[in-house]
C-alpha atoms as a PDB file:
ATOM      1  CA  MET A   1      56.405 -39.621 -16.502  1.00  0.00           C
ATOM      2  CA  ARG A   2      56.016 -42.023 -13.604  1.00  0.00           C
ATOM      3  CA  ARG A   3      52.465 -41.832 -12.105  1.00  0.00           C
ATOM      4  CA  THR A   4      51.228 -42.533  -8.914  1.00  0.00           C
ATOM      5  CA  PHE A   5      47.425 -42.989  -7.701  1.00  0.00           C
ATOM      6  CA  GLY A   6      45.644 -39.851  -8.150  1.00  0.00           C
ATOM      7  CA  ARG A   7      48.374 -37.554  -9.566  1.00  0.00           C
ATOM      8  CA  ARG A   8      51.388 -37.306 -11.924  1.00  0.00           C
ATOM      9  CA  ILE A   9      54.680 -36.638 -10.283  1.00  0.00           C
ATOM     10  CA  GLY A  10      55.318 -33.080 -10.364  1.00  0.00           C
ATOM     11  CA  ALA A  11      51.536 -32.326 -10.578  1.00  0.00           C
ATOM     12  CA  GLY A  12      51.217 -30.169  -7.428  1.00  0.00           C
ATOM     13  CA  PRO A  13      50.310 -30.534  -3.939  1.00  0.00           C
ATOM     14  CA  LEU A  14      47.977 -33.534  -3.047  1.00  0.00           C
ATOM     15  CA  ASP A  15      44.658 -33.045  -0.960  1.00  0.00           C
ATOM     16  CA  ASP A  16      45.013 -35.756   1.776  1.00  0.00           C
ATOM     17  CA  ARG A  17      41.425 -36.191   2.228  1.00  0.00           C
ATOM     18  CA  ILE A  18      40.687 -37.633  -1.060  1.00  0.00           C
ATOM     19  CA  GLY A  19      43.912 -38.099  -2.754  1.00  0.00           C
ATOM     20  CA  PHE A  20      43.516 -35.751  -5.687  1.00  0.00           C
ATOM     21  CA  PRO A  21      45.130 -32.394  -6.455  1.00  0.00           C
ATOM     22  CA  MET A  22      43.747 -29.514  -4.360  1.00  0.00           C
ATOM     23  CA  THR A  23      41.742 -26.765  -6.119  1.00  0.00           C
ATOM     24  CA  ASP A  24      43.639 -23.292  -6.164  1.00  0.00           C
ATOM     25  CA  SER A  25      42.066 -20.164  -4.871  1.00  0.00           C
ATOM     26  CA  SER A  26      41.333 -18.933  -8.250  1.00  0.00           C
ATOM     27  CA  SER A  27      38.995 -22.006  -9.178  1.00  0.00           C
ATOM     28  CA  SER A  28      37.322 -21.302  -5.600  1.00  0.00           C
ATOM     29  CA  ALA A  29      36.698 -17.557  -6.481  1.00  0.00           C
ATOM     30  CA  LYS A  30      34.889 -18.554  -9.919  1.00  0.00           C
ATOM     31  CA  ILE A  31      32.495 -20.770  -8.042  1.00  0.00           C
ATOM     32  CA  LYS A  32      31.664 -18.503  -5.534  1.00  0.00           C
ATOM     33  CA  PRO A  33      29.963 -15.816  -7.919  1.00  0.00           C
ATOM     34  CA  MET A  34      27.983 -18.692  -9.685  1.00  0.00           C
ATOM     35  CA  GLN A  35      26.860 -20.078  -6.384  1.00  0.00           C
ATOM     36  CA  GLY A  36      25.405 -16.659  -5.391  1.00  0.00           C
ATOM     37  CA  ALA A  37      23.547 -16.216  -8.700  1.00  0.00           C
ATOM     38  CA  LEU A  38      22.034 -19.692  -8.438  1.00  0.00           C
ATOM     39  CA  GLY A  39      20.879 -18.639  -4.720  1.00  0.00           C
ATOM     40  CA  ARG A  40      19.406 -15.398  -5.937  1.00  0.00           C
ATOM     41  CA  LEU A  41      17.549 -17.509  -8.829  1.00  0.00           C
ATOM     42  CA  LEU A  42      16.337 -20.046  -6.227  1.00  0.00           C
ATOM     43  CA  GLY A  43      15.007 -17.268  -3.840  1.00  0.00           C
ATOM     44  CA  ILE A  44      13.082 -15.739  -6.869  1.00  0.00           C
ATOM     45  CA  LEU A  45      11.571 -18.946  -7.877  1.00  0.00           C
ATOM     46  CA  ILE A  46      10.370 -19.583  -4.226  1.00  0.00           C
ATOM     47  CA  LEU A  47       8.897 -16.265  -3.628  1.00  0.00           C
ATOM     48  CA  ALA A  48       6.998 -16.656  -6.994  1.00  0.00           C
ATOM     49  CA  GLN A  49       5.591 -19.944  -5.976  1.00  0.00           C
ATOM     50  CA  LEU A  50       4.442 -18.478  -2.615  1.00  0.00           C
ATOM     51  CA  GLY A  51       2.661 -15.528  -4.557  1.00  0.00           C
ATOM     52  CA  PHE A  52       5.097 -12.467  -4.044  1.00  0.00           C
ATOM     53  CA  PRO A  53       5.734 -10.575  -7.116  1.00  0.00           C
ATOM     54  CA  ALA A  54       9.263 -10.374  -8.484  1.00  0.00           C
ATOM     55  CA  ALA A  55      11.149  -7.080  -7.802  1.00  0.00           C
ATOM     56  CA  GLY A  56      10.071  -4.626 -10.632  1.00  0.00           C
ATOM     57  CA  ARG A  57       7.221  -6.529 -11.827  1.00  0.00           C
ATOM     58  CA  ALA A  58       3.919  -4.518 -12.204  1.00  0.00           C
ATOM     59  CA  GLN A  59       1.137  -5.859  -9.960  1.00  0.00           C
ATOM     60  CA  THR A  60      -2.362  -6.465 -12.087  1.00  0.00           C
ATOM     61  CA  ILE A  61      -5.932  -7.476 -11.420  1.00  0.00           C
ATOM     62  CA  GLU A  62      -6.940 -10.329 -13.655  1.00  0.00           C
ATOM     63  CA  GLN A  63      -9.512 -12.772 -14.118  1.00  0.00           C
ATOM     64  CA  ARG A  64      -8.927 -16.141 -12.345  1.00  0.00           C
ATOM     65  CA  ARG A  65      -6.052 -14.830 -10.425  1.00  0.00           C
ATOM     66  CA  PRO A  66      -6.078 -13.813  -6.834  1.00  0.00           C
ATOM     67  CA  ILE A  67      -5.980 -10.206  -6.232  1.00  0.00           C
ATOM     68  CA  PRO A  68      -2.620  -8.662  -5.254  1.00  0.00           C
ATOM     69  CA  VAL A  69      -2.146  -7.835  -1.558  1.00  0.00           C
ATOM     70  CA  PHE A  70      -2.083  -4.201  -0.879  1.00  0.00           C
ATOM     71  CA  ASP A  71      -3.853  -1.562   1.487  1.00  0.00           C
ATOM     72  CA  ILE A  72      -6.769   0.584   0.358  1.00  0.00           C
ATOM     73  CA  PRO A  73      -7.519   3.998   2.232  1.00  0.00           C
ATOM     74  CA  TYR A  74     -11.059   4.719   3.167  1.00  0.00           C
ATOM     75  CA  VAL A  75     -12.534   7.878   1.922  1.00  0.00           C
ATOM     76  CA  GLU A  76     -14.222   8.917   5.221  1.00  0.00           C
ATOM     77  CA  ASN A  77     -11.267   8.450   7.620  1.00  0.00           C
ATOM     78  CA  SER A  78      -7.753   7.347   7.957  1.00  0.00           C
ATOM     79  CA  GLN A  79      -8.247   3.746   8.098  1.00  0.00           C
ATOM     80  CA  VAL A  80      -7.118   1.177   5.518  1.00  0.00           C
ATOM     81  CA  LEU A  81      -8.436  -2.311   4.192  1.00  0.00           C
ATOM     82  CA  SER A  82      -5.922  -4.829   3.190  1.00  0.00           C
ATOM     83  CA  THR A  83      -6.804  -6.887   0.319  1.00  0.00           C
ATOM     84  CA  ALA A  84      -5.657 -10.003   2.139  1.00  0.00           C
ATOM     85  CA  ARG A  85      -8.571  -9.529   4.381  1.00  0.00           C
ATOM     86  CA  LEU A  86     -11.089 -10.218   1.336  1.00  0.00           C
ATOM     87  CA  LYS A  87     -11.243 -13.975   2.048  1.00  0.00           C
ATOM     88  CA  GLY A  88     -13.843 -16.129   3.652  1.00  0.00           C
ATOM     89  CA  ARG A  89     -16.759 -14.601   1.864  1.00  0.00           C
ATOM     90  CA  VAL A  90     -17.639 -13.513  -1.775  1.00  0.00           C
ATOM     91  CA  THR A  91     -16.797  -9.933  -2.365  1.00  0.00           C
ATOM     92  CA  VAL A  92     -18.369  -7.350  -4.662  1.00  0.00           C
ATOM     93  CA  ILE A  93     -15.862  -4.357  -5.606  1.00  0.00           C
ATOM     94  CA  PHE A  94     -17.716  -1.553  -7.509  1.00  0.00           C
ATOM     95  CA  PHE A  95     -15.838   1.297  -9.054  1.00  0.00           C
ATOM     96  CA  TRP A  96     -17.618   4.673  -8.914  1.00  0.00           C
ATOM     97  CA  ALA A  97     -17.072   8.343  -9.437  1.00  0.00           C
ATOM     98  CA  THR A  98     -19.009  11.209  -8.459  1.00  0.00           C
ATOM     99  CA  TRP A  99     -19.459  12.580 -12.099  1.00  0.00           C
ATOM    100  CA  CYS A 100     -20.828   9.057 -12.997  1.00  0.00           C
ATOM    101  CA  GLN A 101     -24.664   9.203 -13.057  1.00  0.00           C
ATOM    102  CA  PHE A 102     -24.953   5.466 -13.713  1.00  0.00           C
ATOM    103  CA  CYS A 103     -22.803   4.593 -10.930  1.00  0.00           C
ATOM    104  CA  LYS A 104     -24.979   6.476  -8.583  1.00  0.00           C
ATOM    105  CA  LYS A 105     -28.156   4.723  -9.788  1.00  0.00           C
ATOM    106  CA  ARG A 106     -26.711   1.367  -9.093  1.00  0.00           C
ATOM    107  CA  MET A 107     -25.547   2.145  -5.515  1.00  0.00           C
ATOM    108  CA  PRO A 108     -28.935   1.471  -3.519  1.00  0.00           C
ATOM    109  CA  ALA A 109     -29.136  -2.085  -5.601  1.00  0.00           C
ATOM    110  CA  LEU A 110     -25.509  -3.069  -4.517  1.00  0.00           C
ATOM    111  CA  ALA A 111     -26.680  -2.758  -0.842  1.00  0.00           C
ATOM    112  CA  GLN A 112     -29.463  -5.222  -1.607  1.00  0.00           C
ATOM    113  CA  ILE A 113     -27.004  -7.931  -3.140  1.00  0.00           C
ATOM    114  CA  GLU A 114     -25.318  -8.155   0.243  1.00  0.00           C
ATOM    115  CA  ALA A 115     -28.528  -8.144   2.153  1.00  0.00           C
ATOM    116  CA  ALA A 116     -30.006 -11.008   0.079  1.00  0.00           C
ATOM    117  CA  PHE A 117     -27.541 -13.481   1.614  1.00  0.00           C
ATOM    118  CA  PRO A 118     -26.972 -14.759   5.032  1.00  0.00           C
ATOM    119  CA  ALA A 119     -24.656 -12.471   7.191  1.00  0.00           C
ATOM    120  CA  GLY A 120     -20.936 -13.048   6.519  1.00  0.00           C
ATOM    121  CA  ARG A 121     -21.430 -14.796   3.162  1.00  0.00           C
ATOM    122  CA  VAL A 122     -21.277 -11.800   1.112  1.00  0.00           C
ATOM    123  CA  GLN A 123     -19.779  -8.163   1.094  1.00  0.00           C
ATOM    124  CA  THR A 124     -20.124  -5.353  -1.302  1.00  0.00           C
ATOM    125  CA  LEU A 125     -17.530  -2.605  -1.391  1.00  0.00           C
ATOM    126  CA  LEU A 126     -17.509   0.889  -3.143  1.00  0.00           C
ATOM    127  CA  LEU A 127     -14.142   1.907  -4.587  1.00  0.00           C
ATOM    128  CA  ASN A 128     -14.213   5.636  -5.527  1.00  0.00           C
ATOM    129  CA  VAL A 129     -12.124   6.529  -8.612  1.00  0.00           C
ATOM    130  CA  ASP A 130     -12.238  10.168  -8.501  1.00  0.00           C
ATOM    131  CA  SER A 131      -8.757  12.243  -8.566  1.00  0.00           C
ATOM    132  CA  ASP A 132      -9.749  14.472  -5.636  1.00  0.00           C
ATOM    133  CA  ARG A 133     -10.517  12.520  -2.332  1.00  0.00           C
ATOM    134  CA  GLU A 134     -12.509  15.816  -1.244  1.00  0.00           C
ATOM    135  CA  LEU A 135     -15.243  15.176  -3.875  1.00  0.00           C
ATOM    136  CA  ALA A 136     -15.812  11.634  -2.689  1.00  0.00           C
ATOM    137  CA  LYS A 137     -15.971  12.940   0.823  1.00  0.00           C
ATOM    138  CA  LYS A 138     -18.561  15.634   0.109  1.00  0.00           C
ATOM    139  CA  PHE A 139     -20.605  13.275  -1.854  1.00  0.00           C
ATOM    140  CA  LEU A 140     -20.713  10.798   1.281  1.00  0.00           C
ATOM    141  CA  GLN A 141     -21.731  13.688   3.481  1.00  0.00           C
ATOM    142  CA  GLU A 142     -24.637  14.537   0.972  1.00  0.00           C
ATOM    143  CA  HIS A 143     -25.563  10.862   0.853  1.00  0.00           C
ATOM    144  CA  PRO A 144     -25.683   9.659   4.175  1.00  0.00           C
ATOM    145  CA  ALA A 145     -27.314   6.175   2.907  1.00  0.00           C
ATOM    146  CA  VAL A 146     -23.846   5.469   1.347  1.00  0.00           C
ATOM    147  CA  LYS A 147     -22.235   4.951   4.539  1.00  0.00           C
ATOM    148  CA  SER A 148     -18.821   4.086   3.440  1.00  0.00           C
ATOM    149  CA  SER A 149     -16.407   3.903   0.428  1.00  0.00           C
ATOM    150  CA  LEU A 150     -12.556   3.097  -0.258  1.00  0.00           C
ATOM    151  CA  PHE A 151     -10.420   5.327  -2.115  1.00  0.00           C
ATOM    152  CA  ASP A 152      -8.327   4.704  -5.254  1.00  0.00           C
ATOM    153  CA  GLN A 153      -5.220   6.728  -4.200  1.00  0.00           C
ATOM    154  CA  ASP A 154      -3.418   7.919  -7.281  1.00  0.00           C
ATOM    155  CA  LEU A 155      -5.886   5.601  -9.414  1.00  0.00           C
ATOM    156  CA  ARG A 156      -3.274   2.826  -8.751  1.00  0.00           C
ATOM    157  CA  ILE A 157      -6.129   0.050  -8.808  1.00  0.00           C
ATOM    158  CA  LYS A 158      -7.681   1.353 -11.916  1.00  0.00           C
ATOM    159  CA  LYS A 159      -4.418   0.909 -13.447  1.00  0.00           C
ATOM    160  CA  MET A 160      -3.929  -2.249 -12.052  1.00  0.00           C
ATOM    161  CA  ALA A 161      -7.232  -3.528 -13.486  1.00  0.00           C
ATOM    162  CA  SER A 162      -6.902  -1.821 -16.895  1.00  0.00           C
ATOM    163  CA  VAL A 163     -10.229  -0.056 -16.223  1.00  0.00           C
ATOM    164  CA  ARG A 164     -11.449   1.799 -19.461  1.00  0.00           C
ATOM    165  CA  ALA A 165     -15.125   2.610 -18.450  1.00  0.00           C
ATOM    166  CA  ILE A 166     -17.054   2.734 -15.226  1.00  0.00           C
ATOM    167  CA  PRO A 167     -19.040   1.650 -13.807  1.00  0.00           C
ATOM    168  CA  TYR A 168     -16.704  -1.393 -13.259  1.00  0.00           C
ATOM    169  CA  SER A 169     -17.353  -4.453 -11.002  1.00  0.00           C
ATOM    170  CA  LEU A 170     -14.999  -7.113  -9.420  1.00  0.00           C
ATOM    171  CA  ILE A 171     -16.415 -10.277  -7.930  1.00  0.00           C
ATOM    172  CA  LEU A 172     -13.955 -12.215  -5.762  1.00  0.00           C
ATOM    173  CA  ASP A 173     -14.690 -15.733  -4.475  1.00  0.00           C
ATOM    174  CA  ASP A 174     -13.930 -16.609  -0.826  1.00  0.00           C
ATOM    175  CA  LYS A 175     -10.493 -17.275  -1.449  1.00  0.00           C
ATOM    176  CA  GLY A 176      -9.729 -13.836  -2.985  1.00  0.00           C
ATOM    177  CA  VAL A 177      -9.639 -15.110  -6.662  1.00  0.00           C
ATOM    178  CA  VAL A 178     -11.071 -12.723  -9.120  1.00  0.00           C
ATOM    179  CA  ARG A 179     -13.950 -14.542 -10.649  1.00  0.00           C
ATOM    180  CA  PHE A 180     -15.905 -11.911 -12.701  1.00  0.00           C
ATOM    181  CA  ILE A 181     -15.382  -8.743 -14.277  1.00  0.00           C
ATOM    182  CA  GLN A 182     -17.884  -6.289 -15.573  1.00  0.00           C
ATOM    183  CA  GLU A 183     -17.045  -2.985 -17.294  1.00  0.00           C
ATOM    184  CA  GLY A 184     -19.269  -0.103 -18.258  1.00  0.00           C
ATOM    185  CA  ASP A 185     -23.227   0.452 -17.879  1.00  0.00           C
ATOM    186  CA  ARG A 186     -25.702  -2.116 -18.458  1.00  0.00           C
ATOM    187  CA  ALA A 187     -29.502  -1.952 -17.789  1.00  0.00           C
ATOM    188  CA  ASN A 188     -29.388  -5.604 -16.038  1.00  0.00           C
ATOM    189  CA  GLU A 189     -25.916  -5.082 -14.532  1.00  0.00           C
ATOM    190  CA  ILE A 190     -27.258  -5.483 -10.763  1.00  0.00           C
ATOM    191  CA  SER A 191     -29.199  -8.728 -11.965  1.00  0.00           C
ATOM    192  CA  ILE A 192     -25.980  -9.998 -13.736  1.00  0.00           C
ATOM    193  CA  LEU A 193     -23.795  -9.526 -10.553  1.00  0.00           C
ATOM    194  CA  LEU A 194     -26.569 -11.321  -8.417  1.00  0.00           C
ATOM    195  CA  ARG A 195     -26.328 -14.157 -10.513  1.00  0.00           C
ATOM    196  CA  LYS A 196     -22.662 -14.319 -10.433  1.00  0.00           C
ATOM    197  CA  VAL A 197     -22.811 -14.187  -6.657  1.00  0.00           C
ATOM    198  CA  GLN A 198     -25.328 -16.707  -6.160  1.00  0.00           C
ATOM    199  CA  LYS A 199     -23.371 -19.249  -8.255  1.00  0.00           C
ATOM    200  CA  LEU A 200     -20.233 -18.584  -6.050  1.00  0.00           C
ATOM    201  CA  THR A 201     -21.979 -19.027  -3.019  1.00  0.00           C
ATOM    202  CA  GLY A 202     -24.163 -21.970  -3.980  1.00  0.00           C
ATOM    203  CA  GLU A 203     -27.155 -20.040  -2.767  1.00  0.00           C
ATOM    204  CA  LYS A 204     -30.184 -18.500  -4.376  1.00  0.00           C
ATOM    205  CA  GLY A 205     -30.437 -15.621  -2.173  1.00  0.00           C
ATOM    206  CA  ALA A 206     -33.348 -13.592  -1.174  1.00  0.00           C
ATOM    207  CA  SER A 207     -35.551 -11.852  -3.941  1.00  0.00           C
END
């Protein structure tokens, strides 16, 4: 069969722009779904790079990883604290419950950790993990020295951190990355937390 540039005689219409046979509509239809799938995959990869969890992926709290972004309600009022704001200073998060006697004994010393450093360098936060918020409210009313506490609604954060025993403490650096986890009661628990905070701040803190 005689040939001309770019096609055989009888091979179908010629695309005048480039001199090759035009793609039929069925081929275009096959390409579009593939392009859509590639676009979705690219979007997921970009979100992962930006730190957003993929749809359906459970958020977890792990050492050496940034704490996920979510809101935590307070026990005593309707306000919430976003974990996105836990940056700019070292943060100690102490999980406690009204039935935990060890937790109650540690609370006064926790306040001393924050007070041992210059203002704005360190903060300590209490996180109540009782199933009933009213129990935590009553505790705060009966213990005015404990001015505030966050509340783990539906024990979501406890599950994210895979907490098996309390007291339980997290220390975040000034970038919001989990740098230390301590689980269960220890006689020298506060001393350990203080040393970790000193290391992250680069300051000795007041004794």
